[in-house]
PDB file of N, CA and C in Angstrom:
ATOM      1  N   MET A   1      -7.622   6.227 164.422  1.00  0.00           N
ATOM      2  CA  MET A   1      -6.217   6.900 163.824  1.00  0.00           C
ATOM      3  C   MET A   1      -5.985   7.672 163.493  1.00  0.00           C
ATOM      4  N   GLN A   2      -6.793   8.449 162.389  1.00  0.00           N
ATOM      5  CA  GLN A   2      -6.129   9.907 161.485  1.00  0.00           C
ATOM      6  C   GLN A   2      -6.033  10.607 162.746  1.00  0.00           C
ATOM      7  N   GLN A   3      -6.506  10.709 163.949  1.00  0.00           N
ATOM      8  CA  GLN A   3      -6.310  12.032 164.829  1.00  0.00           C
ATOM      9  C   GLN A   3      -5.093  11.968 165.284  1.00  0.00           C
ATOM     10  N   THR A   4      -4.458  10.423 165.641  1.00  0.00           N
ATOM     11  CA  THR A   4      -3.096  10.091 166.201  1.00  0.00           C
ATOM     12  C   THR A   4      -2.171  10.601 164.755  1.00  0.00           C
ATOM     13  N   PHE A   5      -2.371  10.571 163.624  1.00  0.00           N
ATOM     14  CA  PHE A   5      -1.418  10.445 163.105  1.00  0.00           C
ATOM     15  C   PHE A   5      -0.950  12.173 162.961  1.00  0.00           C
ATOM     16  N   SER A   6      -3.136  12.816 162.658  1.00  0.00           N
ATOM     17  CA  SER A   6      -2.933  14.147 162.549  1.00  0.00           C
ATOM     18  C   SER A   6      -1.092  14.626 163.917  1.00  0.00           C
ATOM     19  N   ARG A   7      -1.677  14.112 165.044  1.00  0.00           N
ATOM     20  CA  ARG A   7      -1.220  14.497 165.827  1.00  0.00           C
ATOM     21  C   ARG A   7       0.259  14.635 166.351  1.00  0.00           C
ATOM     22  N   ALA A   8       0.690  13.123 165.568  1.00  0.00           N
ATOM     23  CA  ALA A   8       2.391  13.123 165.506  1.00  0.00           C
ATOM     24  C   ALA A   8       2.369  14.170 163.979  1.00  0.00           C
ATOM     25  N   VAL A   9       2.052  14.296 162.899  1.00  0.00           N
ATOM     26  CA  VAL A   9       2.762  14.769 162.045  1.00  0.00           C
ATOM     27  C   VAL A   9       2.619  16.719 163.104  1.00  0.00           C
ATOM     28  N   THR A  10       1.703  17.030 163.339  1.00  0.00           N
ATOM     29  CA  THR A  10       1.801  18.198 164.098  1.00  0.00           C
ATOM     30  C   THR A  10       2.934  18.331 165.058  1.00  0.00           C
ATOM     31  N   ALA A  11       3.762  17.329 165.936  1.00  0.00           N
ATOM     32  CA  ALA A  11       3.962  17.368 167.097  1.00  0.00           C
ATOM     33  C   ALA A  11       5.581  17.202 165.842  1.00  0.00           C
ATOM     34  N   ALA A  12       5.517  16.626 165.173  1.00  0.00           N
ATOM     35  CA  ALA A  12       7.151  16.249 163.984  1.00  0.00           C
ATOM     36  C   ALA A  12       7.643  17.836 163.414  1.00  0.00           C
ATOM     37  N   LEU A  13       6.320  18.613 163.182  1.00  0.00           N
ATOM     38  CA  LEU A  13       6.516  19.482 162.244  1.00  0.00           C
ATOM     39  C   LEU A  13       7.166  21.025 163.213  1.00  0.00           C
ATOM     40  N   ALA A  14       6.096  20.969 164.248  1.00  0.00           N
ATOM     41  CA  ALA A  14       6.527  21.599 165.490  1.00  0.00           C
ATOM     42  C   ALA A  14       8.361  21.749 166.162  1.00  0.00           C
ATOM     43  N   SER A  15       8.597  20.662 166.108  1.00  0.00           N
ATOM     44  CA  SER A  15       9.813  20.274 166.830  1.00  0.00           C
ATOM     45  C   SER A  15      10.691  20.186 165.958  1.00  0.00           C
ATOM     46  N   ALA A  16      10.574  20.415 164.784  1.00  0.00           N
ATOM     47  CA  ALA A  16      11.221  20.571 163.577  1.00  0.00           C
ATOM     48  C   ALA A  16      11.409  22.289 163.374  1.00  0.00           C
ATOM     49  N   LEU A  17      10.809  23.113 163.749  1.00  0.00           N
ATOM     50  CA  LEU A  17      10.590  24.461 163.567  1.00  0.00           C
ATOM     51  C   LEU A  17      11.247  24.645 164.491  1.00  0.00           C
ATOM     52  N   VAL A  18      10.834  24.028 165.909  1.00  0.00           N
ATOM     53  CA  VAL A  18      11.917  24.883 167.105  1.00  0.00           C
ATOM     54  C   VAL A  18      13.220  24.272 166.723  1.00  0.00           C
ATOM     55  N   LEU A  19      13.977  23.214 166.384  1.00  0.00           N
ATOM     56  CA  LEU A  19      15.123  23.287 166.169  1.00  0.00           C
ATOM     57  C   LEU A  19      15.685  23.997 165.256  1.00  0.00           C
ATOM     58  N   ALA A  20      14.535  24.643 164.154  1.00  0.00           N
ATOM     59  CA  ALA A  20      15.371  25.609 163.116  1.00  0.00           C
ATOM     60  C   ALA A  20      15.394  26.801 163.411  1.00  0.00           C
ATOM     61  N   LEU A  21      14.653  27.236 164.313  1.00  0.00           N
ATOM     62  CA  LEU A  21      14.696  28.364 165.085  1.00  0.00           C
ATOM     63  C   LEU A  21      16.000  28.304 166.217  1.00  0.00           C
ATOM     64  N   ALA A  22      16.182  27.133 167.131  1.00  0.00           N
ATOM     65  CA  ALA A  22      17.256  27.031 167.677  1.00  0.00           C
ATOM     66  C   ALA A  22      18.713  27.333 167.455  1.00  0.00           C
ATOM     67  N   ALA A  23      18.368  26.678 166.198  1.00  0.00           N
ATOM     68  CA  ALA A  23      19.690  26.754 165.450  1.00  0.00           C
ATOM     69  C   ALA A  23      20.390  27.872 164.727  1.00  0.00           C
ATOM     70  N   LEU A  24      19.453  29.293 164.461  1.00  0.00           N
ATOM     71  CA  LEU A  24      19.837  30.320 163.757  1.00  0.00           C
ATOM     72  C   LEU A  24      20.657  31.440 164.695  1.00  0.00           C
ATOM     73  N   PRO A  25      20.097  31.405 165.934  1.00  0.00           N
ATOM     74  CA  PRO A  25      20.906  32.408 166.882  1.00  0.00           C
ATOM     75  C   PRO A  25      22.394  32.106 167.194  1.00  0.00           C
ATOM     76  N   ALA A  26      22.589  30.585 167.275  1.00  0.00           N
ATOM     77  CA  ALA A  26      23.542  30.019 167.651  1.00  0.00           C
ATOM     78  C   ALA A  26      24.660  30.250 166.541  1.00  0.00           C
ATOM     79  N   ARG A  27      24.303  30.534 165.162  1.00  0.00           N
ATOM     80  CA  ARG A  27      25.184  30.681 164.269  1.00  0.00           C
ATOM     81  C   ARG A  27      25.370  32.145 163.835  1.00  0.00           C
ATOM     82  N   ALA A  28      24.560  32.673 164.298  1.00  0.00           N
ATOM     83  CA  ALA A  28      24.734  34.330 163.763  1.00  0.00           C
ATOM     84  C   ALA A  28      25.353  34.991 165.116  1.00  0.00           C
ATOM     85  N   ALA A  29      25.168  34.353 166.320  1.00  0.00           N
ATOM     86  CA  ALA A  29      25.719  35.154 167.714  1.00  0.00           C
ATOM     87  C   ALA A  29      27.682  34.877 167.567  1.00  0.00           C
ATOM     88  N   GLU A  30      28.119  34.210 166.679  1.00  0.00           N
ATOM     89  CA  GLU A  30      29.439  33.729 166.660  1.00  0.00           C
ATOM     90  C   GLU A  30      30.082  34.880 166.246  1.00  0.00           C
ATOM     91  N   PRO A  31      29.887  35.430 165.450  1.00  0.00           N
ATOM     92  CA  PRO A  31      30.509  36.591 164.666  1.00  0.00           C
ATOM     93  C   PRO A  31      30.812  38.193 165.622  1.00  0.00           C
ATOM     94  N   LEU A  32      29.278  38.121 165.820  1.00  0.00           N
ATOM     95  CA  LEU A  32      29.191  38.733 167.078  1.00  0.00           C
ATOM     96  C   LEU A  32      29.610  39.140 168.070  1.00  0.00           C
ATOM     97  N   LEU A  33      30.033  38.211 168.774  1.00  0.00           N
ATOM     98  CA  LEU A  33      30.582  37.692 169.716  1.00  0.00           C
ATOM     99  C   LEU A  33      32.617  38.064 169.699  1.00  0.00           C
ATOM    100  N   THR A  34      32.715  37.329 168.177  1.00  0.00           N
ATOM    101  CA  THR A  34      34.096  37.251 167.994  1.00  0.00           C
ATOM    102  C   THR A  34      34.529  39.214 167.941  1.00  0.00           C
ATOM    103  N   VAL A  35      33.619  39.897 167.685  1.00  0.00           N
ATOM    104  CA  VAL A  35      33.842  41.357 167.141  1.00  0.00           C
ATOM    105  C   VAL A  35      34.045  42.325 168.638  1.00  0.00           C
ATOM    106  N   LEU A  36      32.918  41.559 169.287  1.00  0.00           N
ATOM    107  CA  LEU A  36      32.464  42.110 170.520  1.00  0.00           C
ATOM    108  C   LEU A  36      34.008  42.176 171.776  1.00  0.00           C
ATOM    109  N   PHE A  37      34.485  40.478 171.471  1.00  0.00           N
ATOM    110  CA  PHE A  37      35.288  40.399 172.694  1.00  0.00           C
ATOM    111  C   PHE A  37      36.867  40.576 172.124  1.00  0.00           C
ATOM    112  N   THR A  38      36.929  40.957 170.728  1.00  0.00           N
ATOM    113  CA  THR A  38      38.696  40.936 170.428  1.00  0.00           C
ATOM    114  C   THR A  38      38.739  42.137 169.804  1.00  0.00           C
ATOM    115  N   GLY A  39      37.326  42.936 169.374  1.00  0.00           N
ATOM    116  CA  GLY A  39      37.846  44.186 168.239  1.00  0.00           C
ATOM    117  C   GLY A  39      38.197  43.721 167.282  1.00  0.00           C
ATOM    118  N   ASN A  40      37.758  42.757 166.549  1.00  0.00           N
ATOM    119  CA  ASN A  40      38.782  42.366 165.317  1.00  0.00           C
ATOM    120  C   ASN A  40      37.645  41.395 164.181  1.00  0.00           C
ATOM    121  N   THR A  41      37.502  42.208 163.078  1.00  0.00           N
ATOM    122  CA  THR A  41      36.632  41.693 162.445  1.00  0.00           C
ATOM    123  C   THR A  41      36.583  40.669 161.512  1.00  0.00           C
ATOM    124  N   TYR A  42      37.804  40.268 161.501  1.00  0.00           N
ATOM    125  CA  TYR A  42      38.758  39.111 160.574  1.00  0.00           C
ATOM    126  C   TYR A  42      38.250  37.751 161.207  1.00  0.00           C
ATOM    127  N   GLY A  43      37.579  37.795 162.790  1.00  0.00           N
ATOM    128  CA  GLY A  43      37.436  36.269 163.077  1.00  0.00           C
ATOM    129  C   GLY A  43      38.697  35.746 163.760  1.00  0.00           C
ATOM    130  N   ASN A  44      39.943  36.011 164.564  1.00  0.00           N
ATOM    131  CA  ASN A  44      40.610  35.865 165.138  1.00  0.00           C
ATOM    132  C   ASN A  44      40.299  36.035 166.600  1.00  0.00           C
ATOM    133  N   TYR A  45      40.441  34.930 167.259  1.00  0.00           N
ATOM    134  CA  TYR A  45      40.112  35.044 168.653  1.00  0.00           C
ATOM    135  C   TYR A  45      41.394  35.567 169.147  1.00  0.00           C
ATOM    136  N   ALA A  46      41.655  36.732 170.235  1.00  0.00           N
ATOM    137  CA  ALA A  46      42.491  36.578 170.864  1.00  0.00           C
ATOM    138  C   ALA A  46      42.448  37.026 172.140  1.00  0.00           C
ATOM    139  N   PRO A  47      43.302  36.748 173.246  1.00  0.00           N
ATOM    140  CA  PRO A  47      42.653  36.498 174.495  1.00  0.00           C
ATOM    141  C   PRO A  47      42.843  37.901 174.641  1.00  0.00           C
ATOM    142  N   CYS A  48      42.167  38.178 175.920  1.00  0.00           N
ATOM    143  CA  CYS A  48      42.017  39.477 176.982  1.00  0.00           C
ATOM    144  C   CYS A  48      43.761  39.975 177.409  1.00  0.00           C
ATOM    145  N   PRO A  49      44.110  41.143 176.846  1.00  0.00           N
ATOM    146  CA  PRO A  49      45.423  41.513 178.298  1.00  0.00           C
ATOM    147  C   PRO A  49      45.250  41.382 179.554  1.00  0.00           C
ATOM    148  N   SER A  50      46.233  41.355 180.023  1.00  0.00           N
ATOM    149  CA  SER A  50      45.723  40.925 181.605  1.00  0.00           C
ATOM    150  C   SER A  50      46.824  41.976 182.325  1.00  0.00           C
TER     151      SER A  50
END
């Protein structure tokens, strides 16, 4: 019983860690992509001129 509980706790902590680490790059990449694609540090999205 204790071994099953220990495995469940380990799996829950591992999945929480994976979700936390996966969320960080998604938030951090957005301003960088804005600056790269628009050349604008104010966060305004502008389409590329054709």
